[in-house]
Every structure is written in C-alpha cells, then in structure tokens.
Amino acid sequence: MKLSLFSVILGGAGLLAACGPAPTPQQQAARQHEIACLGGTLGGALIGGAIGNQFGGGSGKSILTAAGAAAGGFEGQRFSC
C-alpha cells in the first residue's frame, strides 16, 4: 500500500513539474518526451503488477506482483522512450 501511494505521489509530482511553460520549442518537445516516458513506465508497472497479482498465493503473490510491476515498468519504459 505504501509503495502504491509513493508511486502515485512521485508520478504526480513529476507530471506537475513537467507542466510549466518551456521557453523554446526544443525544450517543450523534450518535456513532452519525458512525460511520455514517465507515463509508459508507470502504466507498464501498473499493468504488470495487476497481471502478476493474479498468480500465486501468500508471499508468492506479493513476489509475483512486485516482479510483474518491475517487468512491466521496464517494458513500458523501453516501449515509450
């Protein structure tokens, strides 16, 4: 629960920091790319964690959820960046 809350707070802070005006079009494009990377990483982690949570039982369920979130975050970041 704490990890999910931390992830949401960190993601929200990153999105809010990227929303400020950029002085040049190149900087604006760089910010949009960063937002896309962050969105892909967080989305992949959420989907991977949800899929991993469907398997196992007890502590194995927690391990598979964490592994799914890590793998999903990695693949989401690789796909979006």
PDB file of N, CA and C in Angstrom:
ATOM      1  N   MET A   1       0.824  -1.188   0.000  1.00  0.00           N
ATOM      2  CA  MET A   1       0.000   0.000   0.000  1.00  0.00           C
ATOM      3  C   MET A   1       0.871   1.256   0.000  1.00  0.00           C
ATOM      4  N   LYS A   2       1.920   1.246   0.831  1.00  0.00           N
ATOM      5  CA  LYS A   2       2.785   2.415   0.893  1.00  0.00           C
ATOM      6  C   LYS A   2       3.528   2.626  -0.419  1.00  0.00           C
ATOM      7  N   LEU A   3       3.913   1.525  -1.074  1.00  0.00           N
ATOM      8  CA  LEU A   3       4.613   1.630  -2.351  1.00  0.00           C
ATOM      9  C   LEU A   3       3.698   2.217  -3.420  1.00  0.00           C
ATOM     10  N   SER A   4       2.443   1.813  -3.428  1.00  0.00           N
ATOM     11  CA  SER A   4       1.495   2.358  -4.397  1.00  0.00           C
ATOM     12  C   SER A   4       1.275   3.846  -4.167  1.00  0.00           C
ATOM     13  N   LEU A   5       1.114   4.233  -2.928  1.00  0.00           N
ATOM     14  CA  LEU A   5       0.914   5.643  -2.604  1.00  0.00           C
ATOM     15  C   LEU A   5       2.150   6.453  -2.973  1.00  0.00           C
ATOM     16  N   PHE A   6       3.320   5.923  -2.676  1.00  0.00           N
ATOM     17  CA  PHE A   6       4.564   6.599  -3.034  1.00  0.00           C
ATOM     18  C   PHE A   6       4.675   6.756  -4.547  1.00  0.00           C
ATOM     19  N   SER A   7       4.312   5.719  -5.292  1.00  0.00           N
ATOM     20  CA  SER A   7       4.377   5.773  -6.752  1.00  0.00           C
ATOM     21  C   SER A   7       3.438   6.827  -7.308  1.00  0.00           C
ATOM     22  N   VAL A   8       2.239   6.907  -6.761  1.00  0.00           N
ATOM     23  CA  VAL A   8       1.271   7.900  -7.223  1.00  0.00           C
ATOM     24  C   VAL A   8       1.757   9.314  -6.905  1.00  0.00           C
ATOM     25  N   ILE A   9       2.288   9.523  -5.724  1.00  0.00           N
ATOM     26  CA  ILE A   9       2.784  10.847  -5.341  1.00  0.00           C
ATOM     27  C   ILE A   9       3.974  11.244  -6.207  1.00  0.00           C
ATOM     28  N   LEU A  10       4.899  10.321  -6.415  1.00  0.00           N
ATOM     29  CA  LEU A  10       6.072  10.602  -7.237  1.00  0.00           C
ATOM     30  C   LEU A  10       5.679  10.885  -8.683  1.00  0.00           C
ATOM     31  N   GLY A  11       4.774  10.089  -9.225  1.00  0.00           N
ATOM     32  CA  GLY A  11       4.310  10.308 -10.590  1.00  0.00           C
ATOM     33  C   GLY A  11       3.588  11.637 -10.739  1.00  0.00           C
ATOM     34  N   GLY A  12       2.740  11.972  -9.775  1.00  0.00           N
ATOM     35  CA  GLY A  12       2.037  13.253  -9.815  1.00  0.00           C
ATOM     36  C   GLY A  12       2.988  14.423  -9.717  1.00  0.00           C
ATOM     37  N   ALA A  13       3.998  14.313  -8.877  1.00  0.00           N
ATOM     38  CA  ALA A  13       4.983  15.392  -8.762  1.00  0.00           C
ATOM     39  C   ALA A  13       5.757  15.564 -10.065  1.00  0.00           C
ATOM     40  N   GLY A  14       6.093  14.446 -10.706  1.00  0.00           N
ATOM     41  CA  GLY A  14       6.800  14.522 -11.982  1.00  0.00           C
ATOM     42  C   GLY A  14       5.958  15.156 -13.066  1.00  0.00           C
ATOM     43  N   LEU A  15       4.676  14.813 -13.093  1.00  0.00           N
ATOM     44  CA  LEU A  15       3.791  15.406 -14.098  1.00  0.00           C
ATOM     45  C   LEU A  15       3.578  16.896 -13.843  1.00  0.00           C
ATOM     46  N   LEU A  16       3.440  17.279 -12.593  1.00  0.00           N
ATOM     47  CA  LEU A  16       3.261  18.699 -12.289  1.00  0.00           C
ATOM     48  C   LEU A  16       4.520  19.500 -12.598  1.00  0.00           C
ATOM     49  N   ALA A  17       5.675  18.926 -12.358  1.00  0.00           N
ATOM     50  CA  ALA A  17       6.924  19.627 -12.644  1.00  0.00           C
ATOM     51  C   ALA A  17       7.111  19.817 -14.145  1.00  0.00           C
ATOM     52  N   ALA A  18       6.590  18.917 -14.936  1.00  0.00           N
ATOM     53  CA  ALA A  18       6.762  18.994 -16.389  1.00  0.00           C
ATOM     54  C   ALA A  18       5.720  19.874 -17.058  1.00  0.00           C
ATOM     55  N   CYS A  19       4.770  20.390 -16.306  1.00  0.00           N
ATOM     56  CA  CYS A  19       3.679  21.155 -16.910  1.00  0.00           C
ATOM     57  C   CYS A  19       3.986  22.641 -17.070  1.00  0.00           C
ATOM     58  N   GLY A  20       5.084  23.112 -16.553  1.00  0.00           N
ATOM     59  CA  GLY A  20       5.418  24.531 -16.661  1.00  0.00           C
ATOM     60  C   GLY A  20       5.753  24.913 -18.092  1.00  0.00           C
ATOM     61  N   PRO A  21       5.680  26.191 -18.403  1.00  0.00           N
ATOM     62  CA  PRO A  21       5.975  26.617 -19.770  1.00  0.00           C
ATOM     63  C   PRO A  21       7.458  26.450 -20.092  1.00  0.00           C
ATOM     64  N   ALA A  22       7.743  26.079 -21.317  1.00  0.00           N
ATOM     65  CA  ALA A  22       9.122  25.929 -21.776  1.00  0.00           C
ATOM     66  C   ALA A  22       9.461  27.109 -22.675  1.00  0.00           C
ATOM     67  N   PRO A  23      10.637  27.680 -22.522  1.00  0.00           N
ATOM     68  CA  PRO A  23      10.999  28.851 -23.305  1.00  0.00           C
ATOM     69  C   PRO A  23      11.183  28.575 -24.799  1.00  0.00           C
ATOM     70  N   THR A  24      11.606  27.393 -25.171  1.00  0.00           N
ATOM     71  CA  THR A  24      11.858  27.117 -26.585  1.00  0.00           C
ATOM     72  C   THR A  24      11.079  25.880 -27.026  1.00  0.00           C
ATOM     73  N   PRO A  25      10.811  25.756 -28.313  1.00  0.00           N
ATOM     74  CA  PRO A  25      10.113  24.554 -28.801  1.00  0.00           C
ATOM     75  C   PRO A  25      10.902  23.265 -28.545  1.00  0.00           C
ATOM     76  N   GLN A  26      12.236  23.339 -28.571  1.00  0.00           N
ATOM     77  CA  GLN A  26      13.041  22.147 -28.300  1.00  0.00           C
ATOM     78  C   GLN A  26      12.871  21.684 -26.856  1.00  0.00           C
ATOM     79  N   GLN A  27      12.821  22.641 -25.935  1.00  0.00           N
ATOM     80  CA  GLN A  27      12.629  22.279 -24.532  1.00  0.00           C
ATOM     81  C   GLN A  27      11.224  21.721 -24.306  1.00  0.00           C
ATOM     82  N   GLN A  28      10.237  22.272 -25.010  1.00  0.00           N
ATOM     83  CA  GLN A  28       8.878  21.759 -24.893  1.00  0.00           C
ATOM     84  C   GLN A  28       8.801  20.330 -25.419  1.00  0.00           C
ATOM     85  N   ALA A  29       9.459  20.057 -26.529  1.00  0.00           N
ATOM     86  CA  ALA A  29       9.478  18.692 -27.075  1.00  0.00           C
ATOM     87  C   ALA A  29      10.173  17.732 -26.113  1.00  0.00           C
ATOM     88  N   ALA A  30      11.239  18.188 -25.480  1.00  0.00           N
ATOM     89  CA  ALA A  30      11.951  17.348 -24.508  1.00  0.00           C
ATOM     90  C   ALA A  30      11.055  17.040 -23.313  1.00  0.00           C
ATOM     91  N   ARG A  31      10.300  18.015 -22.858  1.00  0.00           N
ATOM     92  CA  ARG A  31       9.383  17.788 -21.734  1.00  0.00           C
ATOM     93  C   ARG A  31       8.284  16.818 -22.115  1.00  0.00           C
ATOM     94  N   GLN A  32       7.745  16.947 -23.317  1.00  0.00           N
ATOM     95  CA  GLN A  32       6.700  16.028 -23.753  1.00  0.00           C
ATOM     96  C   GLN A  32       7.244  14.600 -23.842  1.00  0.00           C
ATOM     97  N   HIS A  33       8.483  14.468 -24.271  1.00  0.00           N
ATOM     98  CA  HIS A  33       9.108  13.152 -24.329  1.00  0.00           C
ATOM     99  C   HIS A  33       9.267  12.576 -22.923  1.00  0.00           C
ATOM    100  N   GLU A  34       9.671  13.398 -21.968  1.00  0.00           N
ATOM    101  CA  GLU A  34       9.819  12.945 -20.584  1.00  0.00           C
ATOM    102  C   GLU A  34       8.481  12.498 -20.007  1.00  0.00           C
ATOM    103  N   ILE A  35       7.419  13.240 -20.313  1.00  0.00           N
ATOM    104  CA  ILE A  35       6.089  12.867 -19.830  1.00  0.00           C
ATOM    105  C   ILE A  35       5.662  11.540 -20.436  1.00  0.00           C
ATOM    106  N   ALA A  36       5.927  11.358 -21.720  1.00  0.00           N
ATOM    107  CA  ALA A  36       5.582  10.089 -22.375  1.00  0.00           C
ATOM    108  C   ALA A  36       6.357   8.936 -21.752  1.00  0.00           C
ATOM    109  N   CYS A  37       7.635   9.135 -21.465  1.00  0.00           N
ATOM    110  CA  CYS A  37       8.439   8.085 -20.828  1.00  0.00           C
ATOM    111  C   CYS A  37       7.904   7.741 -19.444  1.00  0.00           C
ATOM    112  N   LEU A  38       7.586   8.758 -18.676  1.00  0.00           N
ATOM    113  CA  LEU A  38       7.054   8.541 -17.332  1.00  0.00           C
ATOM    114  C   LEU A  38       5.717   7.826 -17.396  1.00  0.00           C
ATOM    115  N   GLY A  39       4.859   8.251 -18.304  1.00  0.00           N
ATOM    116  CA  GLY A  39       3.548   7.609 -18.441  1.00  0.00           C
ATOM    117  C   GLY A  39       3.668   6.149 -18.860  1.00  0.00           C
ATOM    118  N   GLY A  40       4.571   5.870 -19.781  1.00  0.00           N
ATOM    119  CA  GLY A  40       4.774   4.495 -20.217  1.00  0.00           C
ATOM    120  C   GLY A  40       5.320   3.614 -19.110  1.00  0.00           C
ATOM    121  N   THR A  41       6.241   4.156 -18.343  1.00  0.00           N
ATOM    122  CA  THR A  41       6.830   3.390 -17.247  1.00  0.00           C
ATOM    123  C   THR A  41       5.799   3.092 -16.164  1.00  0.00           C
ATOM    124  N   LEU A  42       5.058   4.113 -15.754  1.00  0.00           N
ATOM    125  CA  LEU A  42       4.059   3.907 -14.703  1.00  0.00           C
ATOM    126  C   LEU A  42       2.915   3.022 -15.186  1.00  0.00           C
ATOM    127  N   GLY A  43       2.482   3.237 -16.420  1.00  0.00           N
ATOM    128  CA  GLY A  43       1.420   2.391 -16.964  1.00  0.00           C
ATOM    129  C   GLY A  43       1.838   0.939 -17.060  1.00  0.00           C
ATOM    130  N   GLY A  44       3.052   0.707 -17.534  1.00  0.00           N
ATOM    131  CA  GLY A  44       3.562  -0.662 -17.613  1.00  0.00           C
ATOM    132  C   GLY A  44       3.686  -1.310 -16.249  1.00  0.00           C
ATOM    133  N   ALA A  45       4.132  -0.543 -15.270  1.00  0.00           N
ATOM    134  CA  ALA A  45       4.262  -1.079 -13.914  1.00  0.00           C
ATOM    135  C   ALA A  45       2.892  -1.438 -13.332  1.00  0.00           C
ATOM    136  N   LEU A  46       1.908  -0.600 -13.565  1.00  0.00           N
ATOM    137  CA  LEU A  46       0.565  -0.890 -13.051  1.00  0.00           C
ATOM    138  C   LEU A  46      -0.024  -2.138 -13.708  1.00  0.00           C
ATOM    139  N   ILE A  47       0.109  -2.229 -15.017  1.00  0.00           N
ATOM    140  CA  ILE A  47      -0.433  -3.382 -15.724  1.00  0.00           C
ATOM    141  C   ILE A  47       0.327  -4.655 -15.339  1.00  0.00           C
ATOM    142  N   GLY A  48       1.659  -4.570 -15.280  1.00  0.00           N
ATOM    143  CA  GLY A  48       2.457  -5.728 -14.888  1.00  0.00           C
ATOM    144  C   GLY A  48       2.154  -6.183 -13.474  1.00  0.00           C
ATOM    145  N   GLY A  49       1.985  -5.239 -12.567  1.00  0.00           N
ATOM    146  CA  GLY A  49       1.633  -5.594 -11.189  1.00  0.00           C
ATOM    147  C   GLY A  49       0.263  -6.236 -11.099  1.00  0.00           C
ATOM    148  N   ALA A  50      -0.684  -5.737 -11.882  1.00  0.00           N
ATOM    149  CA  ALA A  50      -2.031  -6.317 -11.878  1.00  0.00           C
ATOM    150  C   ALA A  50      -2.010  -7.741 -12.424  1.00  0.00           C
ATOM    151  N   ILE A  51      -1.224  -7.969 -13.470  1.00  0.00           N
ATOM    152  CA  ILE A  51      -1.128  -9.319 -14.027  1.00  0.00           C
ATOM    153  C   ILE A  51      -0.407 -10.249 -13.051  1.00  0.00           C
ATOM    154  N   GLY A  52       0.687  -9.785 -12.466  1.00  0.00           N
ATOM    155  CA  GLY A  52       1.416 -10.599 -11.504  1.00  0.00           C
ATOM    156  C   GLY A  52       0.601 -10.941 -10.276  1.00  0.00           C
ATOM    157  N   ASN A  53      -0.313 -10.065  -9.913  1.00  0.00           N
ATOM    158  CA  ASN A  53      -1.156 -10.275  -8.740  1.00  0.00           C
ATOM    159  C   ASN A  53      -2.169 -11.401  -8.954  1.00  0.00           C
ATOM    160  N   GLN A  54      -2.400 -11.803 -10.175  1.00  0.00           N
ATOM    161  CA  GLN A  54      -3.371 -12.849 -10.469  1.00  0.00           C
ATOM    162  C   GLN A  54      -2.829 -14.251 -10.172  1.00  0.00           C
ATOM    163  N   PHE A  55      -1.541 -14.372  -9.918  1.00  0.00           N
ATOM    164  CA  PHE A  55      -0.911 -15.671  -9.742  1.00  0.00           C
ATOM    165  C   PHE A  55      -0.344 -15.812  -8.339  1.00  0.00           C
ATOM    166  N   GLY A  56      -0.154 -17.036  -7.910  1.00  0.00           N
ATOM    167  CA  GLY A  56       0.479 -17.316  -6.627  1.00  0.00           C
ATOM    168  C   GLY A  56      -0.467 -17.165  -5.458  1.00  0.00           C
ATOM    169  N   GLY A  57       0.088 -17.376  -4.286  1.00  0.00           N
ATOM    170  CA  GLY A  57      -0.670 -17.246  -3.052  1.00  0.00           C
ATOM    171  C   GLY A  57       0.277 -16.914  -1.912  1.00  0.00           C
ATOM    172  N   GLY A  58      -0.213 -16.243  -0.908  1.00  0.00           N
ATOM    173  CA  GLY A  58       0.612 -15.879   0.241  1.00  0.00           C
ATOM    174  C   GLY A  58       1.724 -14.923  -0.155  1.00  0.00           C
ATOM    175  N   SER A  59       2.946 -15.236   0.300  1.00  0.00           N
ATOM    176  CA  SER A  59       4.075 -14.365  -0.027  1.00  0.00           C
ATOM    177  C   SER A  59       4.464 -14.488  -1.497  1.00  0.00           C
ATOM    178  N   GLY A  60       4.136 -15.624  -2.130  1.00  0.00           N
ATOM    179  CA  GLY A  60       4.403 -15.787  -3.554  1.00  0.00           C
ATOM    180  C   GLY A  60       3.613 -14.793  -4.393  1.00  0.00           C
ATOM    181  N   LYS A  61       2.419 -14.465  -3.951  1.00  0.00           N
ATOM    182  CA  LYS A  61       1.590 -13.483  -4.657  1.00  0.00           C
ATOM    183  C   LYS A  61       2.254 -12.105  -4.617  1.00  0.00           C
ATOM    184  N   SER A  62       2.798 -11.757  -3.468  1.00  0.00           N
ATOM    185  CA  SER A  62       3.484 -10.469  -3.333  1.00  0.00           C
ATOM    186  C   SER A  62       4.731 -10.420  -4.205  1.00  0.00           C
ATOM    187  N   ILE A  63       5.464 -11.520  -4.234  1.00  0.00           N
ATOM    188  CA  ILE A  63       6.683 -11.573  -5.044  1.00  0.00           C
ATOM    189  C   ILE A  63       6.335 -11.462  -6.522  1.00  0.00           C
ATOM    190  N   LEU A  64       5.314 -12.184  -6.955  1.00  0.00           N
ATOM    191  CA  LEU A  64       4.916 -12.114  -8.358  1.00  0.00           C
ATOM    192  C   LEU A  64       4.348 -10.750  -8.727  1.00  0.00           C
ATOM    193  N   THR A  65       3.657 -10.101  -7.800  1.00  0.00           N
ATOM    194  CA  THR A  65       3.161  -8.752  -8.061  1.00  0.00           C
ATOM    195  C   THR A  65       4.316  -7.783  -8.249  1.00  0.00           C
ATOM    196  N   ALA A  66       5.312  -7.868  -7.369  1.00  0.00           N
ATOM    197  CA  ALA A  66       6.479  -6.988  -7.477  1.00  0.00           C
ATOM    198  C   ALA A  66       7.264  -7.277  -8.751  1.00  0.00           C
ATOM    199  N   ALA A  67       7.430  -8.551  -9.069  1.00  0.00           N
ATOM    200  CA  ALA A  67       8.155  -8.906 -10.292  1.00  0.00           C
ATOM    201  C   ALA A  67       7.398  -8.438 -11.530  1.00  0.00           C
ATOM    202  N   GLY A  68       6.088  -8.578 -11.521  1.00  0.00           N
ATOM    203  CA  GLY A  68       5.278  -8.107 -12.640  1.00  0.00           C
ATOM    204  C   GLY A  68       5.349  -6.600 -12.792  1.00  0.00           C
ATOM    205  N   ALA A  69       5.331  -5.891 -11.672  1.00  0.00           N
ATOM    206  CA  ALA A  69       5.439  -4.432 -11.726  1.00  0.00           C
ATOM    207  C   ALA A  69       6.803  -4.002 -12.254  1.00  0.00           C
ATOM    208  N   ALA A  70       7.851  -4.675 -11.811  1.00  0.00           N
ATOM    209  CA  ALA A  70       9.192  -4.335 -12.288  1.00  0.00           C
ATOM    210  C   ALA A  70       9.336  -4.624 -13.779  1.00  0.00           C
ATOM    211  N   ALA A  71       8.881  -5.795 -14.202  1.00  0.00           N
ATOM    212  CA  ALA A  71       8.979  -6.153 -15.620  1.00  0.00           C
ATOM    213  C   ALA A  71       8.106  -5.237 -16.472  1.00  0.00           C
ATOM    214  N   GLY A  72       6.909  -4.934 -15.992  1.00  0.00           N
ATOM    215  CA  GLY A  72       6.018  -4.043 -16.727  1.00  0.00           C
ATOM    216  C   GLY A  72       6.573  -2.637 -16.824  1.00  0.00           C
ATOM    217  N   GLY A  73       7.165  -2.150 -15.757  1.00  0.00           N
ATOM    218  CA  GLY A  73       7.784  -0.821 -15.780  1.00  0.00           C
ATOM    219  C   GLY A  73       8.947  -0.762 -16.746  1.00  0.00           C
ATOM    220  N   PHE A  74       9.753  -1.814 -16.758  1.00  0.00           N
ATOM    221  CA  PHE A  74      10.892  -1.869 -17.675  1.00  0.00           C
ATOM    222  C   PHE A  74      10.415  -1.876 -19.121  1.00  0.00           C
ATOM    223  N   GLU A  75       9.453  -2.729 -19.427  1.00  0.00           N
ATOM    224  CA  GLU A  75       8.964  -2.820 -20.802  1.00  0.00           C
ATOM    225  C   GLU A  75       8.204  -1.560 -21.215  1.00  0.00           C
ATOM    226  N   GLY A  76       7.434  -0.985 -20.301  1.00  0.00           N
ATOM    227  CA  GLY A  76       6.726   0.256 -20.607  1.00  0.00           C
ATOM    228  C   GLY A  76       7.696   1.395 -20.918  1.00  0.00           C
ATOM    229  N   GLN A  77       8.784   1.460 -20.156  1.00  0.00           N
ATOM    230  CA  GLN A  77       9.785   2.491 -20.384  1.00  0.00           C
ATOM    231  C   GLN A  77      10.517   2.242 -21.705  1.00  0.00           C
ATOM    232  N   ARG A  78      10.825   0.992 -21.980  1.00  0.00           N
ATOM    233  CA  ARG A  78      11.513   0.651 -23.217  1.00  0.00           C
ATOM    234  C   ARG A  78      10.640   0.951 -24.433  1.00  0.00           C
ATOM    235  N   PHE A  79       9.345   0.696 -24.314  1.00  0.00           N
ATOM    236  CA  PHE A  79       8.427   0.924 -25.426  1.00  0.00           C
ATOM    237  C   PHE A  79       8.169   2.418 -25.659  1.00  0.00           C
ATOM    238  N   SER A  80       7.992   3.178 -24.577  1.00  0.00           N
ATOM    239  CA  SER A  80       7.595   4.579 -24.721  1.00  0.00           C
ATOM    240  C   SER A  80       8.768   5.533 -24.945  1.00  0.00           C
ATOM    241  N   CYS A  81       9.965   5.129 -24.574  1.00  0.00           N
ATOM    242  CA  CYS A  81      11.118   6.011 -24.754  1.00  0.00           C
ATOM    243  C   CYS A  81      11.898   5.529 -25.925  1.00  0.00           C
TER     244      CYS A  81
END
